[in-house]
């Protein structure tokens, strides 16, 4: 029998298997490292993108809050202006109603008569007029002919305490500031 020395061959086979195992392990480690590195890079990029988006969202939110604040201030100023103009308009209408009312009184009031007292309270107006005795009945009957004076009602009539030739007429009625003027009313004034 021949004697064969398998030791170098086994050593060579073991060396090849060790190199193969080492190269496979090294390849697996490199692939794992590359995959982990890529995944880490991907997560870092995603985190950076999310951070940028959050920053942009925060900037947009701040901008929207500033615009909302500006809008609220403008709305408040507009409301104040509206209230101012509304009050101005109401005062102007009240002034026009006074003019209309007193012009209507003037057309029916005799030249020797006068208004001794005018008062407004709780949507009521009261009027005290001194008239010559001979013209008080004519004045009272003419009151209902004018639309601006039709709301006045006669409270009472009495002889003047100051001058016996005069009569004091007391009228009262509701304020009618919501009236609309027509062309006919303006023509009679």
Protein backbone atom coordinates (compact mmCIF):
# COMPACT_ATOMS: atom_id res chain seq x y z
CA UNK A 1 0.00 0.00 0.00
CA UNK A 2 0.96 3.33 -0.73
CA UNK A 3 0.94 5.92 1.76
CA UNK A 4 -0.55 9.23 0.70
CA UNK A 5 -0.09 12.35 2.68
CA UNK A 6 -3.42 14.20 2.70
CA UNK A 7 -2.25 16.82 5.08
CA UNK A 8 -1.23 19.50 2.52
CA UNK A 9 -4.36 18.85 0.53
CA UNK A 10 -6.55 19.16 3.64
CA UNK A 11 -4.68 22.20 4.66
CA UNK A 12 -5.20 23.68 1.23
CA UNK A 13 -8.92 22.68 1.29
CA UNK A 14 -9.31 24.13 4.78
CA UNK A 15 -7.56 27.31 3.64
CA UNK A 16 -9.89 27.59 0.63
CA UNK A 17 -12.97 27.04 2.80
CA UNK A 18 -11.68 29.57 5.33
CA UNK A 19 -11.06 32.13 2.57
CA UNK A 20 -14.47 31.40 1.06
CA UNK A 21 -16.12 31.74 4.48
CA UNK A 22 -14.12 34.90 5.19
CA UNK A 23 -14.95 36.41 1.79
CA UNK A 24 -18.65 35.57 2.19
CA UNK A 25 -18.71 36.97 5.72
CA UNK A 26 -16.82 40.04 4.61
CA UNK A 27 -19.19 40.46 1.65
CA UNK A 28 -22.17 40.06 3.95
CA UNK A 29 -20.70 42.61 6.37
CA UNK A 30 -19.96 45.04 3.53
CA UNK A 31 -23.48 44.62 2.09
CA UNK A 32 -24.96 45.04 5.57
CA UNK A 33 -22.80 48.12 6.15
CA UNK A 34 -23.79 49.60 2.76
CA UNK A 35 -27.48 48.89 3.37
CA UNK A 36 -27.30 50.32 6.91
CA UNK A 37 -25.36 53.33 5.65
CA UNK A 38 -27.86 53.91 2.86
CA UNK A 39 -30.79 53.49 5.28
CA UNK A 40 -29.14 55.87 7.76
CA UNK A 41 -28.55 58.37 4.94
CA UNK A 42 -32.18 57.94 3.82
CA UNK A 43 -33.44 58.49 7.38
CA UNK A 44 -31.20 61.54 7.80
CA UNK A 45 -32.48 62.98 4.51
CA UNK A 46 -36.05 62.25 5.50
CA UNK A 47 -35.51 63.85 8.92
CA UNK A 48 -33.92 66.87 7.24
CA UNK A 49 -36.85 67.12 4.82
CA UNK A 50 -39.37 66.83 7.66
CA UNK A 51 -37.49 69.49 9.63
CA UNK A 52 -37.49 71.79 6.59
CA UNK A 53 -41.19 71.18 6.04
CA UNK A 54 -41.91 71.89 9.70
CA UNK A 55 -39.87 75.08 9.46
CA UNK A 56 -41.77 76.14 6.32
CA UNK A 57 -45.08 75.23 7.95
CA UNK A 58 -44.15 77.29 11.01
CA UNK A 59 -43.19 80.23 8.80
CA UNK A 60 -46.50 79.94 6.91
CA UNK A 61 -48.39 79.71 10.18
CA UNK A 62 -46.60 82.81 11.50
CA UNK A 63 -47.37 84.63 8.25
CA UNK A 64 -51.03 83.59 8.41
CA UNK A 65 -51.24 84.70 12.05
CA UNK A 66 -49.77 88.08 11.10
CA UNK A 67 -52.25 88.38 8.22
CA UNK A 68 -55.07 87.38 10.55
CA UNK A 69 -53.94 90.03 13.03
CA UNK A 70 -53.83 92.63 10.25
CA UNK A 71 -57.27 91.49 9.08
CA UNK A 72 -58.65 91.75 12.64
CA UNK A 73 -57.25 95.28 12.99
CA UNK A 74 -58.68 96.29 9.61
CA UNK A 75 -62.02 94.73 10.53
CA UNK A 76 -62.03 96.65 13.82
CA UNK A 77 -61.15 99.91 12.02
CA UNK A 78 -63.85 99.24 9.42
CA UNK A 79 -66.38 98.56 12.14
CA UNK A 80 -65.41 101.76 13.95
CA UNK A 81 -65.69 103.72 10.71
CA UNK A 82 -69.04 102.11 9.98
CA UNK A 83 -70.28 103.03 13.47
CA UNK A 84 -68.95 106.55 13.04
CA UNK A 85 -70.63 107.02 9.66
CA UNK A 86 -73.81 105.35 10.89
CA UNK A 87 -73.94 107.73 13.84
CA UNK A 88 -73.18 110.64 11.54
CA UNK A 89 -75.94 109.50 9.16
CA UNK A 90 -78.44 109.08 12.02
CA UNK A 91 -77.60 112.53 13.37
CA UNK A 92 -77.96 113.99 9.89
CA UNK A 93 -81.34 112.29 9.44
CA UNK A 94 -82.44 113.55 12.85
CA UNK A 95 -81.38 117.05 11.83
CA UNK A 96 -83.33 116.75 8.57
CA UNK A 97 -86.38 115.52 10.49
CA UNK A 98 -86.12 118.51 12.83
CA UNK A 99 -85.94 120.85 9.87
CA UNK A 100 -88.90 119.14 8.24
CA UNK A 101 -90.90 119.17 11.45
CA UNK A 102 -90.23 122.82 12.28
CA UNK A 103 -90.81 123.93 8.68
CA UNK A 104 -94.18 122.18 8.80
CA UNK A 105 -94.96 123.94 12.09
CA UNK A 106 -93.80 127.22 10.57
CA UNK A 107 -96.21 126.90 7.63
CA UNK A 108 -99.20 126.54 9.98
CA UNK A 109 -98.07 128.77 12.84
CA UNK A 110 -99.50 132.30 12.69
CA UNK A 111 -97.06 135.20 12.65
CA UNK A 112 -98.07 136.26 16.16
CA UNK A 113 -97.72 132.75 17.62
CA UNK A 114 -94.59 131.10 18.98
CA UNK A 115 -93.27 127.82 20.33
CA UNK A 116 -92.67 128.25 24.02
CA UNK A 117 -91.27 124.79 24.75
CA UNK A 118 -90.18 121.70 22.80
CA UNK A 119 -89.11 118.45 24.44
CA UNK A 120 -88.19 114.92 23.39
CA UNK A 121 -87.98 111.92 25.70
CA UNK A 122 -88.58 108.17 25.33
CA UNK A 123 -89.51 108.41 21.64
CA UNK A 124 -92.12 111.05 22.49
CA UNK A 125 -92.14 114.71 21.58
CA UNK A 126 -94.10 117.41 23.34
CA UNK A 127 -94.71 120.88 22.08
CA UNK A 128 -96.10 123.95 23.85
CA UNK A 129 -97.31 126.70 21.54
CA UNK A 130 -98.72 130.12 22.40
CA UNK A 131 -101.29 131.40 19.88
CA UNK A 132 -103.72 134.27 19.65
CA UNK A 133 -107.17 133.10 20.80
CA UNK A 134 -108.70 133.72 17.40
CA UNK A 135 -106.22 131.54 15.52
CA UNK A 136 -105.80 128.52 17.83
CA UNK A 137 -108.72 126.57 16.38
CA UNK A 138 -107.46 127.11 12.81
CA UNK A 139 -103.97 125.99 13.82
CA UNK A 140 -105.27 122.82 15.51
CA UNK A 141 -107.43 121.84 12.50
CA UNK A 142 -104.53 122.47 10.08
CA UNK A 143 -102.20 120.17 12.05
CA UNK A 144 -103.68 116.99 10.61
CA UNK A 145 -103.29 118.20 7.04
CA UNK A 146 -99.50 117.86 7.04
CA UNK A 147 -97.93 114.35 7.22
CA UNK A 148 -95.06 115.48 9.46
CA UNK A 149 -97.51 116.91 12.02
CA UNK A 150 -100.19 114.21 11.81
CA UNK A 151 -98.55 112.24 14.62
CA UNK A 152 -99.14 115.11 17.06
CA UNK A 153 -102.25 114.92 19.21
CA UNK A 154 -103.80 117.69 21.23
CA UNK A 155 -103.29 117.18 24.95
CA UNK A 156 -105.12 120.23 26.15
CA UNK A 157 -105.76 123.91 25.48
CA UNK A 158 -105.87 126.61 28.13
CA UNK A 159 -105.92 130.35 28.37
CA UNK A 160 -102.50 131.88 28.86
CA UNK A 161 -101.78 133.02 32.39
CA UNK A 162 -99.46 135.74 31.14
CA UNK A 163 -101.62 137.28 28.40
CA UNK A 164 -105.42 136.70 28.36
CA UNK A 165 -105.59 137.27 24.59
CA UNK A 166 -103.44 134.16 23.97
CA UNK A 167 -104.11 130.45 24.23
CA UNK A 168 -101.55 127.84 25.23
CA UNK A 169 -101.78 124.67 23.13
CA UNK A 170 -100.08 121.51 24.38
CA UNK A 171 -99.34 118.85 21.75
CA UNK A 172 -97.59 115.51 22.05
CA UNK A 173 -96.92 112.50 19.87
CA UNK A 174 -94.47 109.84 18.85
CA UNK A 175 -91.25 110.63 17.06
CA UNK A 176 -91.45 109.38 13.50
CA UNK A 177 -87.91 109.48 12.24
CA UNK A 178 -88.43 106.52 9.93
CA UNK A 179 -90.71 108.56 7.65
CA UNK A 180 -89.81 108.83 4.00
CA UNK A 181 -90.17 112.15 2.31
CA UNK A 182 -92.11 112.23 -0.88
CA UNK A 183 -92.06 114.91 -3.55
CA UNK A 184 -95.49 116.11 -2.40
CA UNK A 185 -94.25 116.67 1.16
CA UNK A 186 -91.30 118.70 0.01
CA UNK A 187 -93.57 120.80 -2.20
CA UNK A 188 -95.81 121.73 0.74
CA UNK A 189 -92.89 122.84 2.83
